[in-house]
Amino acid sequence: MPKLTFFNLAESKRKTLIEAAEKEFAKSPLYEASIANIVKMAGIPRGSFYQYFEDKEDLYFYLLDEKLKENKVHLITLLREHNGDIIGAIIELYHRFLVMIPDEEERNFLKNAMLYATHKVENSFTNMFHASQDNDYFTEILEAVNMQRLNIKEEKELSHILQIISAVAFHNFIEKLSKELSDEEAMKQFTSRMDLIKRGIYKSE
């Protein structure tokens, strides 16, 4: 996590540093990214960087977590729009993530995160909806999901379901990138996998 001095910066300076980091991480995966390039683009001394972050990995995972938070907020909205249908909401969320990423820079940042994924990167994705990460957020999910439709006995099982779904989405996206699948092919594949999960977790109607 960033140090307190980062959050005490003027908003414009924080924004400049974050934009410089996004450019560098979009151009290069984490292990190749250069702090020297980041501070040069941001127009700050190298020593100042270490007043804000422990190292480039600290900055990288801050950026990644901030981007994933946006999807967490979207999921709550989509669950309400889909009347608590968790699979329907997840499919739409994945579609937004896949084809509605705002710009090429953000797309390349996420592409590098996926293609050069470490165990820590994978955990960031697969645990993004897990109860242990944010209990208040998980409570919101519980309130938005139609639990009556699910074939589970305990609320904590929903956390496991979300973790499984996140893992499938993560590896589906990696497969899209590594095999150079079109958005349509990736969506068809993901929807098919979600349908399989749906058969296992939804009650028979």
C-alpha atoms as a PDB file:
ATOM      1  CA  MET A   1       0.000   0.000   0.000  1.00  0.00           C
ATOM      2  CA  PRO A   2       1.160   3.581  -0.631  1.00  0.00           C
ATOM      3  CA  LYS A   3       2.636   5.486   2.269  1.00  0.00           C
ATOM      4  CA  LEU A   4       0.687   8.281   3.945  1.00  0.00           C
ATOM      5  CA  THR A   5       2.876  10.867   2.188  1.00  0.00           C
ATOM      6  CA  PHE A   6       1.372   9.757  -1.144  1.00  0.00           C
ATOM      7  CA  PHE A   7      -2.172  10.426   0.027  1.00  0.00           C
ATOM      8  CA  ASN A   8      -1.054  13.776   1.441  1.00  0.00           C
ATOM      9  CA  LEU A   9       0.090  14.907  -1.999  1.00  0.00           C
ATOM     10  CA  ALA A  10      -1.989  17.412  -3.931  1.00  0.00           C
ATOM     11  CA  GLU A  11      -4.462  15.603  -6.182  1.00  0.00           C
ATOM     12  CA  SER A  12      -2.769  16.904  -9.333  1.00  0.00           C
ATOM     13  CA  LYS A  13       0.614  15.483  -8.234  1.00  0.00           C
ATOM     14  CA  ARG A  14      -0.922  12.118  -7.340  1.00  0.00           C
ATOM     15  CA  LYS A  15      -2.617  12.016 -10.724  1.00  0.00           C
ATOM     16  CA  THR A  16       0.621  12.847 -12.560  1.00  0.00           C
ATOM     17  CA  LEU A  17       2.503  10.069 -10.771  1.00  0.00           C
ATOM     18  CA  ILE A  18      -0.256   7.518 -11.374  1.00  0.00           C
ATOM     19  CA  GLU A  19      -0.502   8.419 -15.064  1.00  0.00           C
ATOM     20  CA  ALA A  20       3.277   8.033 -15.432  1.00  0.00           C
ATOM     21  CA  ALA A  21       3.138   4.628 -13.736  1.00  0.00           C
ATOM     22  CA  GLU A  22       0.251   3.477 -15.938  1.00  0.00           C
ATOM     23  CA  LYS A  23       2.214   4.438 -19.055  1.00  0.00           C
ATOM     24  CA  GLU A  24       5.258   2.487 -17.884  1.00  0.00           C
ATOM     25  CA  PHE A  25       3.325  -0.608 -16.808  1.00  0.00           C
ATOM     26  CA  ALA A  26       1.313  -0.535 -20.049  1.00  0.00           C
ATOM     27  CA  LYS A  27       4.559  -0.532 -22.002  1.00  0.00           C
ATOM     28  CA  SER A  28       6.393  -3.115 -19.883  1.00  0.00           C
ATOM     29  CA  PRO A  29       5.445  -5.973 -17.525  1.00  0.00           C
ATOM     30  CA  LEU A  30       6.237  -5.484 -13.839  1.00  0.00           C
ATOM     31  CA  TYR A  31       9.645  -7.187 -13.884  1.00  0.00           C
ATOM     32  CA  GLU A  32      10.841  -4.995 -16.791  1.00  0.00           C
ATOM     33  CA  ALA A  33       9.273  -1.709 -15.700  1.00  0.00           C
ATOM     34  CA  SER A  34      11.642   1.069 -14.677  1.00  0.00           C
ATOM     35  CA  ILE A  35      11.280   3.396 -11.717  1.00  0.00           C
ATOM     36  CA  ALA A  36      13.656   5.747 -13.549  1.00  0.00           C
ATOM     37  CA  ASN A  37      11.160   6.043 -16.411  1.00  0.00           C
ATOM     38  CA  ILE A  38       8.264   6.622 -14.024  1.00  0.00           C
ATOM     39  CA  VAL A  39       9.935   9.429 -12.063  1.00  0.00           C
ATOM     40  CA  LYS A  40      11.177  11.033 -15.290  1.00  0.00           C
ATOM     41  CA  MET A  41       7.662  11.108 -16.776  1.00  0.00           C
ATOM     42  CA  ALA A  42       6.212  12.297 -13.472  1.00  0.00           C
ATOM     43  CA  GLY A  43       8.876  14.997 -13.104  1.00  0.00           C
ATOM     44  CA  ILE A  44       9.863  14.039  -9.554  1.00  0.00           C
ATOM     45  CA  PRO A  45      13.220  13.115  -7.964  1.00  0.00           C
ATOM     46  CA  ARG A  46      13.849   9.387  -7.599  1.00  0.00           C
ATOM     47  CA  GLY A  47      14.166   9.852  -3.831  1.00  0.00           C
ATOM     48  CA  SER A  48      10.634  11.233  -3.693  1.00  0.00           C
ATOM     49  CA  PHE A  49       9.290   8.010  -5.185  1.00  0.00           C
ATOM     50  CA  TYR A  50      10.404   6.072  -2.114  1.00  0.00           C
ATOM     51  CA  GLN A  51       8.617   8.560   0.119  1.00  0.00           C
ATOM     52  CA  TYR A  52       5.371   7.439  -1.540  1.00  0.00           C
ATOM     53  CA  PHE A  53       5.923   3.717  -2.251  1.00  0.00           C
ATOM     54  CA  GLU A  54       8.183   0.960  -0.981  1.00  0.00           C
ATOM     55  CA  ASP A  55       9.148  -0.116  -4.501  1.00  0.00           C
ATOM     56  CA  LYS A  56       7.711  -0.507  -8.005  1.00  0.00           C
ATOM     57  CA  GLU A  57       5.772  -3.631  -6.947  1.00  0.00           C
ATOM     58  CA  ASP A  58       4.030  -1.628  -4.230  1.00  0.00           C
ATOM     59  CA  LEU A  59       2.950   0.958  -6.823  1.00  0.00           C
ATOM     60  CA  TYR A  60       1.981  -1.716  -9.348  1.00  0.00           C
ATOM     61  CA  PHE A  61      -0.358  -3.580  -7.013  1.00  0.00           C
ATOM     62  CA  TYR A  62      -1.883  -0.321  -5.825  1.00  0.00           C
ATOM     63  CA  LEU A  63      -2.771   0.474  -9.460  1.00  0.00           C
ATOM     64  CA  LEU A  64      -4.063  -3.049 -10.100  1.00  0.00           C
ATOM     65  CA  ASP A  65      -6.220  -3.059  -6.966  1.00  0.00           C
ATOM     66  CA  GLU A  66      -7.683   0.342  -7.866  1.00  0.00           C
ATOM     67  CA  LYS A  67      -8.697  -0.960 -11.298  1.00  0.00           C
ATOM     68  CA  LEU A  68     -10.240  -4.095  -9.802  1.00  0.00           C
ATOM     69  CA  LYS A  69     -12.228  -1.995  -7.327  1.00  0.00           C
ATOM     70  CA  GLU A  70     -14.094  -0.471 -10.276  1.00  0.00           C
ATOM     71  CA  ASN A  71     -15.287  -3.938 -11.283  1.00  0.00           C
ATOM     72  CA  LYS A  72     -16.344  -4.706  -7.718  1.00  0.00           C
ATOM     73  CA  VAL A  73     -18.584  -1.638  -7.707  1.00  0.00           C
ATOM     74  CA  HIS A  74     -20.002  -2.611 -11.117  1.00  0.00           C
ATOM     75  CA  LEU A  75     -20.875  -6.088  -9.875  1.00  0.00           C
ATOM     76  CA  ILE A  76     -23.181  -4.743  -7.157  1.00  0.00           C
ATOM     77  CA  THR A  77     -24.962  -2.568  -9.729  1.00  0.00           C
ATOM     78  CA  LEU A  78     -25.289  -5.449 -12.177  1.00  0.00           C
ATOM     79  CA  LEU A  79     -26.604  -7.835  -9.523  1.00  0.00           C
ATOM     80  CA  ARG A  80     -29.413  -5.401  -8.822  1.00  0.00           C
ATOM     81  CA  GLU A  81     -30.129  -4.962 -12.537  1.00  0.00           C
ATOM     82  CA  HIS A  82     -30.245  -8.765 -12.972  1.00  0.00           C
ATOM     83  CA  ASN A  83     -32.523  -9.237  -9.935  1.00  0.00           C
ATOM     84  CA  GLY A  84     -29.871 -11.118  -7.997  1.00  0.00           C
ATOM     85  CA  ASP A  85     -28.886 -13.481 -10.839  1.00  0.00           C
ATOM     86  CA  ILE A  86     -25.183 -13.884 -10.075  1.00  0.00           C
ATOM     87  CA  ILE A  87     -24.278 -15.683 -13.304  1.00  0.00           C
ATOM     88  CA  GLY A  88     -26.078 -13.148 -15.492  1.00  0.00           C
ATOM     89  CA  ALA A  89     -24.372 -10.299 -13.650  1.00  0.00           C
ATOM     90  CA  ILE A  90     -20.918 -11.898 -13.927  1.00  0.00           C
ATOM     91  CA  ILE A  91     -21.306 -12.537 -17.667  1.00  0.00           C
ATOM     92  CA  GLU A  92     -22.207  -8.893 -18.253  1.00  0.00           C
ATOM     93  CA  LEU A  93     -19.349  -7.744 -15.997  1.00  0.00           C
ATOM     94  CA  TYR A  94     -16.910  -9.885 -17.971  1.00  0.00           C
ATOM     95  CA  HIS A  95     -18.243  -8.441 -21.226  1.00  0.00           C
ATOM     96  CA  ARG A  96     -17.671  -4.916 -19.934  1.00  0.00           C
ATOM     97  CA  PHE A  97     -14.184  -5.848 -18.772  1.00  0.00           C
ATOM     98  CA  LEU A  98     -13.405  -7.443 -22.127  1.00  0.00           C
ATOM     99  CA  VAL A  99     -14.733  -4.986 -24.674  1.00  0.00           C
ATOM    100  CA  MET A 100     -15.357  -1.759 -22.797  1.00  0.00           C
ATOM    101  CA  ILE A 101     -11.911  -1.090 -21.320  1.00  0.00           C
ATOM    102  CA  PRO A 102     -11.697   2.687 -21.819  1.00  0.00           C
ATOM    103  CA  ASP A 103      -8.388   3.106 -23.609  1.00  0.00           C
ATOM    104  CA  GLU A 104      -5.447   1.287 -25.148  1.00  0.00           C
ATOM    105  CA  GLU A 105      -3.167   2.145 -22.245  1.00  0.00           C
ATOM    106  CA  GLU A 106      -5.437   0.521 -19.677  1.00  0.00           C
ATOM    107  CA  ARG A 107      -5.955  -2.462 -21.971  1.00  0.00           C
ATOM    108  CA  ASN A 108      -2.174  -2.930 -22.263  1.00  0.00           C
ATOM    109  CA  PHE A 109      -1.727  -2.558 -18.498  1.00  0.00           C
ATOM    110  CA  LEU A 110      -4.217  -5.380 -17.890  1.00  0.00           C
ATOM    111  CA  LYS A 111      -2.777  -7.418 -20.756  1.00  0.00           C
ATOM    112  CA  ASN A 112       0.675  -7.289 -19.158  1.00  0.00           C
ATOM    113  CA  ALA A 113      -0.829  -8.160 -15.776  1.00  0.00           C
ATOM    114  CA  MET A 114      -2.457 -11.262 -17.270  1.00  0.00           C
ATOM    115  CA  LEU A 115       0.254 -12.511 -19.599  1.00  0.00           C
ATOM    116  CA  TYR A 116       3.039 -12.096 -17.061  1.00  0.00           C
ATOM    117  CA  ALA A 117       0.913 -13.056 -14.077  1.00  0.00           C
ATOM    118  CA  THR A 118       2.615 -14.008 -10.838  1.00  0.00           C
ATOM    119  CA  HIS A 119       0.871 -15.862  -8.033  1.00  0.00           C
ATOM    120  CA  LYS A 120       0.259 -12.492  -6.373  1.00  0.00           C
ATOM    121  CA  VAL A 121      -1.345 -11.056  -9.523  1.00  0.00           C
ATOM    122  CA  GLU A 122      -3.596 -14.098  -9.850  1.00  0.00           C
ATOM    123  CA  ASN A 123      -4.609 -13.770  -6.195  1.00  0.00           C
ATOM    124  CA  SER A 124      -5.564 -10.123  -6.761  1.00  0.00           C
ATOM    125  CA  PHE A 125      -8.040 -11.235  -9.422  1.00  0.00           C
ATOM    126  CA  THR A 126      -9.353 -14.461  -7.919  1.00  0.00           C
ATOM    127  CA  ASN A 127      -9.825 -13.021  -4.427  1.00  0.00           C
ATOM    128  CA  MET A 128     -11.322  -9.694  -5.491  1.00  0.00           C
ATOM    129  CA  PHE A 129     -14.827 -10.762  -4.393  1.00  0.00           C
ATOM    130  CA  HIS A 130     -13.732 -12.891  -1.438  1.00  0.00           C
ATOM    131  CA  ALA A 131     -15.222 -12.125   1.986  1.00  0.00           C
ATOM    132  CA  SER A 132     -11.789 -12.001   3.620  1.00  0.00           C
ATOM    133  CA  GLN A 133     -10.783  -9.035   1.449  1.00  0.00           C
ATOM    134  CA  ASP A 134     -13.636  -6.697   2.367  1.00  0.00           C
ATOM    135  CA  ASN A 135     -16.366  -7.933   4.686  1.00  0.00           C
ATOM    136  CA  ASP A 136     -18.569  -4.855   4.198  1.00  0.00           C
ATOM    137  CA  TYR A 137     -18.424  -5.319   0.439  1.00  0.00           C
ATOM    138  CA  PHE A 138     -19.261  -9.019   0.758  1.00  0.00           C
ATOM    139  CA  THR A 139     -22.272  -8.077   2.870  1.00  0.00           C
ATOM    140  CA  GLU A 140     -23.462  -5.881  -0.007  1.00  0.00           C
ATOM    141  CA  ILE A 141     -23.106  -8.836  -2.386  1.00  0.00           C
ATOM    142  CA  LEU A 142     -25.113 -11.050  -0.035  1.00  0.00           C
ATOM    143  CA  GLU A 143     -27.889  -8.478   0.006  1.00  0.00           C
ATOM    144  CA  ALA A 144     -27.881  -8.158  -3.807  1.00  0.00           C
ATOM    145  CA  VAL A 145     -27.706 -11.883  -4.701  1.00  0.00           C
ATOM    146  CA  ASN A 146     -30.933 -13.884  -4.879  1.00  0.00           C
ATOM    147  CA  MET A 147     -29.852 -16.610  -2.469  1.00  0.00           C
ATOM    148  CA  GLN A 148     -33.156 -18.462  -2.897  1.00  0.00           C
ATOM    149  CA  ARG A 149     -32.098 -19.521  -6.382  1.00  0.00           C
ATOM    150  CA  LEU A 150     -28.794 -21.008  -5.262  1.00  0.00           C
ATOM    151  CA  ASN A 151     -28.209 -24.587  -4.235  1.00  0.00           C
ATOM    152  CA  ILE A 152     -26.059 -23.717  -1.207  1.00  0.00           C
ATOM    153  CA  LYS A 153     -26.585 -24.195   2.515  1.00  0.00           C
ATOM    154  CA  GLU A 154     -24.405 -21.469   4.035  1.00  0.00           C
ATOM    155  CA  GLU A 155     -23.664 -17.874   3.077  1.00  0.00           C
ATOM    156  CA  LYS A 156     -19.908 -18.490   3.229  1.00  0.00           C
ATOM    157  CA  GLU A 157     -20.318 -20.902   0.310  1.00  0.00           C
ATOM    158  CA  LEU A 158     -21.166 -17.896  -1.847  1.00  0.00           C
ATOM    159  CA  SER A 159     -17.642 -16.614  -1.201  1.00  0.00           C
ATOM    160  CA  HIS A 160     -16.229 -19.878  -2.579  1.00  0.00           C
ATOM    161  CA  ILE A 161     -18.498 -19.655  -5.624  1.00  0.00           C
ATOM    162  CA  LEU A 162     -17.284 -16.123  -6.358  1.00  0.00           C
ATOM    163  CA  GLN A 163     -13.682 -17.255  -6.012  1.00  0.00           C
ATOM    164  CA  ILE A 164     -14.251 -20.080  -8.523  1.00  0.00           C
ATOM    165  CA  ILE A 165     -15.993 -17.725 -10.954  1.00  0.00           C
ATOM    166  CA  SER A 166     -13.181 -15.161 -10.642  1.00  0.00           C
ATOM    167  CA  ALA A 167     -10.575 -17.850 -11.335  1.00  0.00           C
ATOM    168  CA  VAL A 168     -12.466 -18.993 -14.450  1.00  0.00           C
ATOM    169  CA  ALA A 169     -12.750 -15.379 -15.676  1.00  0.00           C
ATOM    170  CA  PHE A 170      -9.043 -14.776 -15.037  1.00  0.00           C
ATOM    171  CA  HIS A 171      -7.900 -17.837 -16.975  1.00  0.00           C
ATOM    172  CA  ASN A 172     -10.445 -17.191 -19.731  1.00  0.00           C
ATOM    173  CA  PHE A 173      -8.924 -13.752 -20.258  1.00  0.00           C
ATOM    174  CA  ILE A 174      -5.388 -15.188 -20.314  1.00  0.00           C
ATOM    175  CA  GLU A 175      -6.526 -17.742 -22.890  1.00  0.00           C
ATOM    176  CA  LYS A 176      -8.028 -14.986 -25.022  1.00  0.00           C
ATOM    177  CA  LEU A 177      -4.726 -13.090 -25.005  1.00  0.00           C
ATOM    178  CA  SER A 178      -2.382 -16.054 -25.455  1.00  0.00           C
ATOM    179  CA  LYS A 179      -4.480 -17.645 -28.234  1.00  0.00           C
ATOM    180  CA  GLU A 180      -5.435 -14.256 -29.703  1.00  0.00           C
ATOM    181  CA  LEU A 181      -9.139 -15.049 -29.568  1.00  0.00           C
ATOM    182  CA  SER A 182     -11.603 -12.428 -30.752  1.00  0.00           C
ATOM    183  CA  ASP A 183     -13.877 -10.776 -28.190  1.00  0.00           C
ATOM    184  CA  GLU A 184     -16.768 -12.808 -29.603  1.00  0.00           C
ATOM    185  CA  GLU A 185     -14.882 -16.114 -29.248  1.00  0.00           C
ATOM    186  CA  ALA A 186     -13.785 -15.273 -25.707  1.00  0.00           C
ATOM    187  CA  MET A 187     -17.333 -14.300 -24.698  1.00  0.00           C
ATOM    188  CA  LYS A 188     -18.766 -17.494 -26.186  1.00  0.00           C
ATOM    189  CA  GLN A 189     -16.212 -19.565 -24.287  1.00  0.00           C
ATOM    190  CA  PHE A 190     -16.777 -17.711 -21.016  1.00  0.00           C
ATOM    191  CA  THR A 191     -20.576 -17.904 -21.297  1.00  0.00           C
ATOM    192  CA  SER A 192     -20.359 -21.650 -21.926  1.00  0.00           C
ATOM    193  CA  ARG A 193     -18.229 -22.114 -18.797  1.00  0.00           C
ATOM    194  CA  MET A 194     -20.565 -19.958 -16.726  1.00  0.00           C
ATOM    195  CA  ASP A 195     -23.521 -22.049 -17.906  1.00  0.00           C
ATOM    196  CA  LEU A 196     -21.759 -25.166 -16.611  1.00  0.00           C
ATOM    197  CA  ILE A 197     -21.234 -23.520 -13.225  1.00  0.00           C
ATOM    198  CA  LYS A 198     -24.840 -22.328 -13.205  1.00  0.00           C
ATOM    199  CA  ARG A 199     -26.091 -25.893 -13.568  1.00  0.00           C
ATOM    200  CA  GLY A 200     -24.167 -26.853 -10.463  1.00  0.00           C
ATOM    201  CA  ILE A 201     -25.081 -23.953  -8.178  1.00  0.00           C
ATOM    202  CA  TYR A 202     -28.666 -23.111  -9.190  1.00  0.00           C
ATOM    203  CA  LYS A 203     -31.661 -25.012  -7.922  1.00  0.00           C
ATOM    204  CA  SER A 204     -33.673 -26.956 -10.503  1.00  0.00           C
ATOM    205  CA  GLU A 205     -36.735 -25.039 -11.618  1.00  0.00           C
END
